[in-house]
Each structure stands twice: as structure tokens, then as C-alpha cells.
Amino acid sequence: ESSALDALRTRLLPMATLVTPNLPEAELLIGERIEDLDAMHG
């Protein structure tokens, strides 16, 4: 849910040594579509 996504962004992302998202998860985190390798770099 949205509140959990906000908590993950604010509490756990800064605490992590490494984050390992797949593309749909990264899209939720950054709020943008990722459709090719250039977009992955962005």
C-alpha cells in the first residue's frame, strides 16, 4: 500500500548497503517508466 511504499523509501532505502529492485519495483520507487537500457541508467 502507499503508506508502506513511503516507509520503505524514507526508512529502509537510506539504511541499505545495496538495493536490488526489478524494473517494476524501480518504477514504483522513482515514479517513472523504464523501457530500455538508457532508461535503466537514468
All heavy atoms as atom14 arrays in JSON, in Angstrom:
{
  "sequence": "ESSALDALRTRLLPMATLVTPNLPEAELLIGERIEDLDAMHG",
  "atom14_mask": [
    [1, 1, 1, 1, 1, 1, 1, 1, 1, 0, 0, 0, 0, 0],
    [1, 1, 1, 1, 1, 1, 0, 0, 0, 0, 0, 0, 0, 0],
    [1, 1, 1, 1, 1, 1, 0, 0, 0, 0, 0, 0, 0, 0],
    [1, 1, 1, 1, 1, 0, 0, 0, 0, 0, 0, 0, 0, 0],
    [1, 1, 1, 1, 1, 1, 1, 1, 0, 0, 0, 0, 0, 0],
    [1, 1, 1, 1, 1, 1, 1, 1, 0, 0, 0, 0, 0, 0],
    [1, 1, 1, 1, 1, 0, 0, 0, 0, 0, 0, 0, 0, 0],
    [1, 1, 1, 1, 1, 1, 1, 1, 0, 0, 0, 0, 0, 0],
    [1, 1, 1, 1, 1, 1, 1, 1, 1, 1, 1, 0, 0, 0],
    [1, 1, 1, 1, 1, 1, 1, 0, 0, 0, 0, 0, 0, 0],
    [1, 1, 1, 1, 1, 1, 1, 1, 1, 1, 1, 0, 0, 0],
    [1, 1, 1, 1, 1, 1, 1, 1, 0, 0, 0, 0, 0, 0],
    [1, 1, 1, 1, 1, 1, 1, 1, 0, 0, 0, 0, 0, 0],
    [1, 1, 1, 1, 1, 1, 1, 0, 0, 0, 0, 0, 0, 0],
    [1, 1, 1, 1, 1, 1, 1, 1, 0, 0, 0, 0, 0, 0],
    [1, 1, 1, 1, 1, 0, 0, 0, 0, 0, 0, 0, 0, 0],
    [1, 1, 1, 1, 1, 1, 1, 0, 0, 0, 0, 0, 0, 0],
    [1, 1, 1, 1, 1, 1, 1, 1, 0, 0, 0, 0, 0, 0],
    [1, 1, 1, 1, 1, 1, 1, 0, 0, 0, 0, 0, 0, 0],
    [1, 1, 1, 1, 1, 1, 1, 0, 0, 0, 0, 0, 0, 0],
    [1, 1, 1, 1, 1, 1, 1, 0, 0, 0, 0, 0, 0, 0],
    [1, 1, 1, 1, 1, 1, 1, 1, 0, 0, 0, 0, 0, 0],
    [1, 1, 1, 1, 1, 1, 1, 1, 0, 0, 0, 0, 0, 0],
    [1, 1, 1, 1, 1, 1, 1, 0, 0, 0, 0, 0, 0, 0],
    [1, 1, 1, 1, 1, 1, 1, 1, 1, 0, 0, 0, 0, 0],
    [1, 1, 1, 1, 1, 0, 0, 0, 0, 0, 0, 0, 0, 0],
    [1, 1, 1, 1, 1, 1, 1, 1, 1, 0, 0, 0, 0, 0],
    [1, 1, 1, 1, 1, 1, 1, 1, 0, 0, 0, 0, 0, 0],
    [1, 1, 1, 1, 1, 1, 1, 1, 0, 0, 0, 0, 0, 0],
    [1, 1, 1, 1, 1, 1, 1, 1, 0, 0, 0, 0, 0, 0],
    [1, 1, 1, 1, 0, 0, 0, 0, 0, 0, 0, 0, 0, 0],
    [1, 1, 1, 1, 1, 1, 1, 1, 1, 0, 0, 0, 0, 0],
    [1, 1, 1, 1, 1, 1, 1, 1, 1, 1, 1, 0, 0, 0],
    [1, 1, 1, 1, 1, 1, 1, 1, 0, 0, 0, 0, 0, 0],
    [1, 1, 1, 1, 1, 1, 1, 1, 1, 0, 0, 0, 0, 0],
    [1, 1, 1, 1, 1, 1, 1, 1, 0, 0, 0, 0, 0, 0],
    [1, 1, 1, 1, 1, 1, 1, 1, 0, 0, 0, 0, 0, 0],
    [1, 1, 1, 1, 1, 1, 1, 1, 0, 0, 0, 0, 0, 0],
    [1, 1, 1, 1, 1, 0, 0, 0, 0, 0, 0, 0, 0, 0],
    [1, 1, 1, 1, 1, 1, 1, 1, 0, 0, 0, 0, 0, 0],
    [1, 1, 1, 1, 1, 1, 1, 1, 1, 1, 0, 0, 0, 0],
    [1, 1, 1, 1, 0, 0, 0, 0, 0, 0, 0, 0, 0, 0]
  ],
  "atom14_positions": [
    [[0.84, -1.19, 0.0], [0.0, 0.0, 0.0], [0.89, 1.25, 0.0], [2.09, 1.18, 0.25], [-0.91, -0.03, 1.23], [-0.14, 0.01, 2.51], [-0.74, -0.88, 3.6], [-1.44, -1.85, 3.28], [-0.49, -0.59, 4.77], [0.0, 0.0, 0.0], [0.0, 0.0, 0.0], [0.0, 0.0, 0.0], [0.0, 0.0, 0.0], [0.0, 0.0, 0.0]],
    [[0.29, 2.41, -0.27], [1.07, 3.64, -0.43], [1.86, 3.99, 0.82], [3.01, 4.43, 0.75], [0.14, 4.8, -0.78], [-0.46, 4.59, -2.04], [0.0, 0.0, 0.0], [0.0, 0.0, 0.0], [0.0, 0.0, 0.0], [0.0, 0.0, 0.0], [0.0, 0.0, 0.0], [0.0, 0.0, 0.0], [0.0, 0.0, 0.0], [0.0, 0.0, 0.0]],
    [[1.27, 3.81, 2.0], [1.98, 4.15, 3.24], [3.21, 3.28, 3.43], [4.24, 3.73, 3.94], [1.05, 4.01, 4.44], [0.58, 2.68, 4.57], [0.0, 0.0, 0.0], [0.0, 0.0, 0.0], [0.0, 0.0, 0.0], [0.0, 0.0, 0.0], [0.0, 0.0, 0.0], [0.0, 0.0, 0.0], [0.0, 0.0, 0.0], [0.0, 0.0, 0.0]],
    [[3.11, 2.01, 3.01], [4.26, 1.12, 3.13], [5.35, 1.51, 2.14], [6.54, 1.44, 2.46], [3.82, -0.32, 2.9], [0.0, 0.0, 0.0], [0.0, 0.0, 0.0], [0.0, 0.0, 0.0], [0.0, 0.0, 0.0], [0.0, 0.0, 0.0], [0.0, 0.0, 0.0], [0.0, 0.0, 0.0], [0.0, 0.0, 0.0], [0.0, 0.0, 0.0]],
    [[4.96, 1.93, 0.95], [5.95, 2.37, -0.04], [6.69, 3.6, 0.47], [7.91, 3.7, 0.34], [5.26, 2.66, -1.37], [6.14, 3.17, -2.51], [7.28, 2.21, -2.8], [5.29, 3.41, -3.76], [0.0, 0.0, 0.0], [0.0, 0.0, 0.0], [0.0, 0.0, 0.0], [0.0, 0.0, 0.0], [0.0, 0.0, 0.0], [0.0, 0.0, 0.0]],
    [[5.96, 4.54, 1.08], [6.6, 5.73, 1.64], [7.56, 5.35, 2.76], [8.66, 5.9, 2.87], [5.54, 6.69, 2.17], [4.72, 7.33, 1.06], [5.19, 7.33, -0.1], [3.61, 7.81, 1.35], [0.0, 0.0, 0.0], [0.0, 0.0, 0.0], [0.0, 0.0, 0.0], [0.0, 0.0, 0.0], [0.0, 0.0, 0.0], [0.0, 0.0, 0.0]],
    [[7.16, 4.4, 3.62], [8.03, 3.97, 4.72], [9.28, 3.3, 4.18], [10.38, 3.5, 4.7], [7.26, 3.03, 5.65], [0.0, 0.0, 0.0], [0.0, 0.0, 0.0], [0.0, 0.0, 0.0], [0.0, 0.0, 0.0], [0.0, 0.0, 0.0], [0.0, 0.0, 0.0], [0.0, 0.0, 0.0], [0.0, 0.0, 0.0], [0.0, 0.0, 0.0]],
    [[9.11, 2.51, 3.13], [10.27, 1.85, 2.53], [11.25, 2.88, 1.97], [12.46, 2.79, 2.18], [9.81, 0.89, 1.44], [10.85, -0.05, 0.83], [10.22, -1.36, 0.42], [11.53, 0.59, -0.39], [0.0, 0.0, 0.0], [0.0, 0.0, 0.0], [0.0, 0.0, 0.0], [0.0, 0.0, 0.0], [0.0, 0.0, 0.0], [0.0, 0.0, 0.0]],
    [[10.71, 3.9, 1.29], [11.56, 4.95, 0.72], [12.32, 5.71, 1.81], [13.51, 5.95, 1.69], [10.71, 5.95, -0.06], [10.32, 5.54, -1.47], [9.89, 6.79, -2.23], [9.24, 6.48, -3.5], [7.93, 6.55, -3.71], [7.13, 6.9, -2.71], [7.43, 6.27, -4.89], [0.0, 0.0, 0.0], [0.0, 0.0, 0.0], [0.0, 0.0, 0.0]],
    [[11.61, 6.1, 2.86], [12.21, 7.01, 3.84], [13.01, 6.3, 4.92], [14.0, 6.85, 5.42], [11.11, 7.86, 4.5], [10.16, 6.99, 5.14], [10.41, 8.73, 3.48], [0.0, 0.0, 0.0], [0.0, 0.0, 0.0], [0.0, 0.0, 0.0], [0.0, 0.0, 0.0], [0.0, 0.0, 0.0], [0.0, 0.0, 0.0], [0.0, 0.0, 0.0]],
    [[12.63, 5.06, 5.29], [13.31, 4.37, 6.38], [14.36, 3.38, 5.91], [15.45, 3.31, 6.49], [12.29, 3.61, 7.25], [11.26, 4.46, 7.95], [11.83, 5.4, 9.01], [12.77, 4.81, 9.95], [12.45, 4.14, 11.06], [11.15, 3.99, 11.38], [13.36, 3.68, 11.88], [0.0, 0.0, 0.0], [0.0, 0.0, 0.0], [0.0, 0.0, 0.0]],
    [[14.05, 2.59, 4.89], [14.94, 1.49, 4.53], [15.92, 1.81, 3.42], [17.07, 1.35, 3.45], [14.12, 0.25, 4.15], [13.33, -0.4, 5.29], [12.61, -1.64, 4.8], [14.24, -0.74, 6.47], [0.0, 0.0, 0.0], [0.0, 0.0, 0.0], [0.0, 0.0, 0.0], [0.0, 0.0, 0.0], [0.0, 0.0, 0.0], [0.0, 0.0, 0.0]],
    [[15.51, 2.59, 2.41], [16.43, 2.89, 1.32], [17.72, 3.55, 1.83], [18.82, 3.12, 1.44], [15.77, 3.78, 0.27], [14.75, 3.13, -0.67], [14.31, 4.13, -1.73], [15.29, 1.87, -1.33], [0.0, 0.0, 0.0], [0.0, 0.0, 0.0], [0.0, 0.0, 0.0], [0.0, 0.0, 0.0], [0.0, 0.0, 0.0], [0.0, 0.0, 0.0]],
    [[17.66, 4.56, 2.69], [18.9, 5.18, 3.16], [19.74, 4.25, 4.04], [20.94, 4.46, 4.2], [18.42, 6.4, 3.96], [17.03, 6.65, 3.5], [16.48, 5.3, 3.18], [0.0, 0.0, 0.0], [0.0, 0.0, 0.0], [0.0, 0.0, 0.0], [0.0, 0.0, 0.0], [0.0, 0.0, 0.0], [0.0, 0.0, 0.0], [0.0, 0.0, 0.0]],
    [[19.12, 3.23, 4.61], [19.81, 2.32, 5.51], [20.52, 1.19, 4.77], [21.42, 0.54, 5.3], [18.77, 1.73, 6.48], [19.31, 0.98, 7.66], [17.95, 0.47, 8.74], [17.39, 2.05, 9.35], [0.0, 0.0, 0.0], [0.0, 0.0, 0.0], [0.0, 0.0, 0.0], [0.0, 0.0, 0.0], [0.0, 0.0, 0.0], [0.0, 0.0, 0.0]],
    [[20.1, 0.94, 3.53], [20.58, -0.22, 2.79], [21.99, -0.01, 2.23], [22.31, 1.06, 1.71], [19.62, -0.54, 1.65], [0.0, 0.0, 0.0], [0.0, 0.0, 0.0], [0.0, 0.0, 0.0], [0.0, 0.0, 0.0], [0.0, 0.0, 0.0], [0.0, 0.0, 0.0], [0.0, 0.0, 0.0], [0.0, 0.0, 0.0], [0.0, 0.0, 0.0]],
    [[22.81, -1.04, 2.33], [24.1, -1.07, 1.66], [23.89, -1.21, 0.16], [24.59, -0.59, -0.65], [24.94, -2.26, 2.17], [25.0, -2.22, 3.59], [26.34, -2.24, 1.57], [0.0, 0.0, 0.0], [0.0, 0.0, 0.0], [0.0, 0.0, 0.0], [0.0, 0.0, 0.0], [0.0, 0.0, 0.0], [0.0, 0.0, 0.0], [0.0, 0.0, 0.0]],
    [[22.92, -2.05, -0.22], [22.6, -2.31, -1.61], [21.11, -2.55, -1.74], [20.51, -3.22, -0.9], [23.36, -3.56, -2.11], [23.08, -4.01, -3.55], [23.74, -3.04, -4.55], [23.58, -5.42, -3.79], [0.0, 0.0, 0.0], [0.0, 0.0, 0.0], [0.0, 0.0, 0.0], [0.0, 0.0, 0.0], [0.0, 0.0, 0.0], [0.0, 0.0, 0.0]],
    [[20.51, -2.01, -2.8], [19.1, -2.25, -3.13], [19.05, -3.01, -4.44], [19.77, -2.68, -5.39], [18.32, -0.93, -3.24], [16.86, -1.19, -3.57], [18.44, -0.14, -1.94], [0.0, 0.0, 0.0], [0.0, 0.0, 0.0], [0.0, 0.0, 0.0], [0.0, 0.0, 0.0], [0.0, 0.0, 0.0], [0.0, 0.0, 0.0], [0.0, 0.0, 0.0]],
    [[18.19, -4.04, -4.53], [18.16, -4.92, -5.71], [16.78, -4.98, -6.36], [16.16, -6.04, -6.42], [18.61, -6.34, -5.32], [17.65, -6.91, -4.4], [19.99, -6.35, -4.69], [0.0, 0.0, 0.0], [0.0, 0.0, 0.0], [0.0, 0.0, 0.0], [0.0, 0.0, 0.0], [0.0, 0.0, 0.0], [0.0, 0.0, 0.0], [0.0, 0.0, 0.0]],
    [[16.26, -3.86, -6.86], [14.91, -3.89, -7.44], [14.89, -4.48, -8.84], [15.87, -4.4, -9.6], [14.54, -2.4, -7.49], [15.86, -1.71, -7.71], [16.86, -2.52, -6.93], [0.0, 0.0, 0.0], [0.0, 0.0, 0.0], [0.0, 0.0, 0.0], [0.0, 0.0, 0.0], [0.0, 0.0, 0.0], [0.0, 0.0, 0.0], [0.0, 0.0, 0.0]],
    [[13.75, -5.1, -9.19], [13.5, -5.37, -10.6], [12.89, -4.11, -11.22], [12.7, -3.1, -10.53], [12.6, -6.6, -10.78], [11.23, -6.46, -10.14], [10.68, -5.37, -10.02], [10.66, -7.57, -9.7], [0.0, 0.0, 0.0], [0.0, 0.0, 0.0], [0.0, 0.0, 0.0], [0.0, 0.0, 0.0], [0.0, 0.0, 0.0], [0.0, 0.0, 0.0]],
    [[12.62, -4.12, -12.5], [12.18, -2.89, -13.15], [10.82, -2.38, -12.67], [10.67, -1.18, -12.42], [12.2, -3.07, -14.67], [13.57, -3.34, -15.28], [13.5, -3.31, -16.8], [14.62, -2.34, -14.79], [0.0, 0.0, 0.0], [0.0, 0.0, 0.0], [0.0, 0.0, 0.0], [0.0, 0.0, 0.0], [0.0, 0.0, 0.0], [0.0, 0.0, 0.0]],
    [[9.8, -3.25, -12.49], [8.54, -2.72, -11.95], [8.69, -2.11, -10.56], [8.05, -1.1, -10.25], [7.63, -3.96, -11.92], [8.18, -4.85, -12.99], [9.66, -4.64, -12.94], [0.0, 0.0, 0.0], [0.0, 0.0, 0.0], [0.0, 0.0, 0.0], [0.0, 0.0, 0.0], [0.0, 0.0, 0.0], [0.0, 0.0, 0.0], [0.0, 0.0, 0.0]],
    [[9.55, -2.69, -9.73], [9.78, -2.13, -8.39], [10.52, -0.8, -8.48], [10.18, 0.16, -7.76], [10.56, -3.14, -7.56], [9.72, -4.36, -7.19], [10.54, -5.57, -6.79], [11.77, -5.57, -6.96], [9.92, -6.54, -6.32], [0.0, 0.0, 0.0], [0.0, 0.0, 0.0], [0.0, 0.0, 0.0], [0.0, 0.0, 0.0], [0.0, 0.0, 0.0]],
    [[11.51, -0.72, -9.36], [12.22, 0.54, -9.53], [11.29, 1.62, -10.06], [11.38, 2.79, -9.65], [13.4, 0.35, -10.49], [0.0, 0.0, 0.0], [0.0, 0.0, 0.0], [0.0, 0.0, 0.0], [0.0, 0.0, 0.0], [0.0, 0.0, 0.0], [0.0, 0.0, 0.0], [0.0, 0.0, 0.0], [0.0, 0.0, 0.0], [0.0, 0.0, 0.0]],
    [[10.36, 1.26, -10.96], [9.4, 2.23, -11.47], [8.54, 2.8, -10.35], [8.25, 4.01, -10.33], [8.53, 1.57, -12.54], [9.26, 1.31, -13.85], [8.41, 0.57, -14.86], [7.38, -0.04, -14.47], [8.77, 0.59, -16.06], [0.0, 0.0, 0.0], [0.0, 0.0, 0.0], [0.0, 0.0, 0.0], [0.0, 0.0, 0.0], [0.0, 0.0, 0.0]],
    [[8.11, 1.95, -9.41], [7.32, 2.44, -8.27], [8.15, 3.36, -7.39], [7.66, 4.38, -6.9], [6.81, 1.26, -7.44], [5.55, 0.56, -7.93], [5.21, -0.6, -7.0], [4.37, 1.53, -8.0], [0.0, 0.0, 0.0], [0.0, 0.0, 0.0], [0.0, 0.0, 0.0], [0.0, 0.0, 0.0], [0.0, 0.0, 0.0], [0.0, 0.0, 0.0]],
    [[9.41, 3.02, -7.2], [10.26, 3.82, -6.32], [10.54, 5.21, -6.9], [10.56, 6.2, -6.16], [11.58, 3.1, -6.06], [11.51, 1.9, -5.12], [12.83, 1.13, -5.12], [11.17, 2.35, -3.7], [0.0, 0.0, 0.0], [0.0, 0.0, 0.0], [0.0, 0.0, 0.0], [0.0, 0.0, 0.0], [0.0, 0.0, 0.0], [0.0, 0.0, 0.0]],
    [[10.75, 5.29, -8.22], [11.14, 6.58, -8.81], [9.99, 7.27, -9.52], [10.1, 8.45, -9.9], [12.33, 6.42, -9.78], [11.92, 5.61, -11.02], [13.51, 5.78, -9.07], [13.0, 5.53, -12.09], [0.0, 0.0, 0.0], [0.0, 0.0, 0.0], [0.0, 0.0, 0.0], [0.0, 0.0, 0.0], [0.0, 0.0, 0.0], [0.0, 0.0, 0.0]],
    [[8.87, 6.57, -9.75], [7.72, 7.17, -10.4], [7.89, 7.4, -11.88], [7.26, 8.3, -12.44], [0.0, 0.0, 0.0], [0.0, 0.0, 0.0], [0.0, 0.0, 0.0], [0.0, 0.0, 0.0], [0.0, 0.0, 0.0], [0.0, 0.0, 0.0], [0.0, 0.0, 0.0], [0.0, 0.0, 0.0], [0.0, 0.0, 0.0], [0.0, 0.0, 0.0]],
    [[8.72, 6.6, -12.55], [8.95, 6.74, -13.99], [8.99, 5.37, -14.66], [9.37, 4.38, -14.03], [10.28, 7.47, -14.24], [10.36, 8.87, -13.69], [11.73, 9.49, -13.9], [12.54, 8.9, -14.64], [11.99, 10.56, -13.33], [0.0, 0.0, 0.0], [0.0, 0.0, 0.0], [0.0, 0.0, 0.0], [0.0, 0.0, 0.0], [0.0, 0.0, 0.0]],
    [[8.63, 5.34, -15.95], [8.71, 4.11, -16.71], [10.16, 3.81, -17.08], [10.96, 4.72, -17.31], [7.87, 4.22, -18.0], [6.37, 4.29, -17.77], [5.83, 3.02, -17.16], [6.16, 1.83, -17.94], [5.44, 1.4, -18.98], [4.36, 2.07, -19.37], [5.8, 0.31, -19.63], [0.0, 0.0, 0.0], [0.0, 0.0, 0.0], [0.0, 0.0, 0.0]],
    [[10.47, 2.51, -17.15], [11.81, 2.06, -17.55], [11.62, 1.06, -18.68], [11.22, -0.08, -18.45], [12.56, 1.4, -16.37], [12.59, 2.34, -15.17], [13.97, 1.0, -16.79], [13.11, 1.69, -13.9], [0.0, 0.0, 0.0], [0.0, 0.0, 0.0], [0.0, 0.0, 0.0], [0.0, 0.0, 0.0], [0.0, 0.0, 0.0], [0.0, 0.0, 0.0]],
    [[11.91, 1.51, -19.91], [11.56, 0.69, -21.07], [12.76, 0.23, -21.89], [12.61, -0.53, -22.83], [10.58, 1.46, -21.96], [9.26, 1.76, -21.26], [8.3, 2.55, -22.15], [8.79, 3.31, -23.0], [7.09, 2.4, -21.97], [0.0, 0.0, 0.0], [0.0, 0.0, 0.0], [0.0, 0.0, 0.0], [0.0, 0.0, 0.0], [0.0, 0.0, 0.0]],
    [[13.97, 0.72, -21.57], [15.15, 0.3, -22.3], [16.39, 0.5, -21.43], [16.3, 0.97, -20.29], [15.28, 1.04, -23.64], [15.24, 2.56, -23.47], [15.72, 3.07, -22.44], [14.73, 3.24, -24.39], [0.0, 0.0, 0.0], [0.0, 0.0, 0.0], [0.0, 0.0, 0.0], [0.0, 0.0, 0.0], [0.0, 0.0, 0.0], [0.0, 0.0, 0.0]],
    [[17.55, 0.14, -21.97], [18.78, 0.24, -21.19], [19.12, 1.68, -20.81], [19.63, 1.95, -19.72], [19.95, -0.38, -21.97], [20.04, -1.91, -21.93], [21.13, -2.4, -22.88], [20.31, -2.4, -20.51], [0.0, 0.0, 0.0], [0.0, 0.0, 0.0], [0.0, 0.0, 0.0], [0.0, 0.0, 0.0], [0.0, 0.0, 0.0], [0.0, 0.0, 0.0]],
    [[18.85, 2.63, -21.72], [19.1, 4.03, -21.39], [18.27, 4.46, -20.18], [18.75, 5.18, -19.29], [18.79, 4.93, -22.59], [19.83, 4.81, -23.69], [20.96, 4.35, -23.39], [19.52, 5.17, -24.84], [0.0, 0.0, 0.0], [0.0, 0.0, 0.0], [0.0, 0.0, 0.0], [0.0, 0.0, 0.0], [0.0, 0.0, 0.0], [0.0, 0.0, 0.0]],
    [[17.01, 4.02, -20.17], [16.14, 4.36, -19.04], [16.61, 3.69, -17.75], [16.44, 4.24, -16.66], [14.7, 3.97, -19.36], [0.0, 0.0, 0.0], [0.0, 0.0, 0.0], [0.0, 0.0, 0.0], [0.0, 0.0, 0.0], [0.0, 0.0, 0.0], [0.0, 0.0, 0.0], [0.0, 0.0, 0.0], [0.0, 0.0, 0.0], [0.0, 0.0, 0.0]],
    [[17.21, 2.5, -17.87], [17.77, 1.84, -16.69], [18.9, 2.68, -16.09], [19.0, 2.83, -14.87], [18.28, 0.44, -17.04], [17.18, -0.59, -17.25], [17.84, -2.24, -17.68], [18.71, -2.69, -16.16], [0.0, 0.0, 0.0], [0.0, 0.0, 0.0], [0.0, 0.0, 0.0], [0.0, 0.0, 0.0], [0.0, 0.0, 0.0], [0.0, 0.0, 0.0]],
    [[19.75, 3.24, -16.95], [20.82, 4.11, -16.46], [20.23, 5.34, -15.75], [20.73, 5.75, -14.68], [21.72, 4.54, -17.61], [22.7, 3.49, -18.05], [23.98, 3.41, -17.56], [22.57, 2.46, -18.92], [24.61, 2.39, -18.11], [23.77, 1.78, -18.94], [0.0, 0.0, 0.0], [0.0, 0.0, 0.0], [0.0, 0.0, 0.0], [0.0, 0.0, 0.0]],
    [[19.19, 5.92, -16.32], [18.55, 7.05, -15.68], [17.9, 6.68, -14.36], [17.91, 7.48, -13.41], [0.0, 0.0, 0.0], [0.0, 0.0, 0.0], [0.0, 0.0, 0.0], [0.0, 0.0, 0.0], [0.0, 0.0, 0.0], [0.0, 0.0, 0.0], [0.0, 0.0, 0.0], [0.0, 0.0, 0.0], [0.0, 0.0, 0.0], [0.0, 0.0, 0.0]]
  ]
}
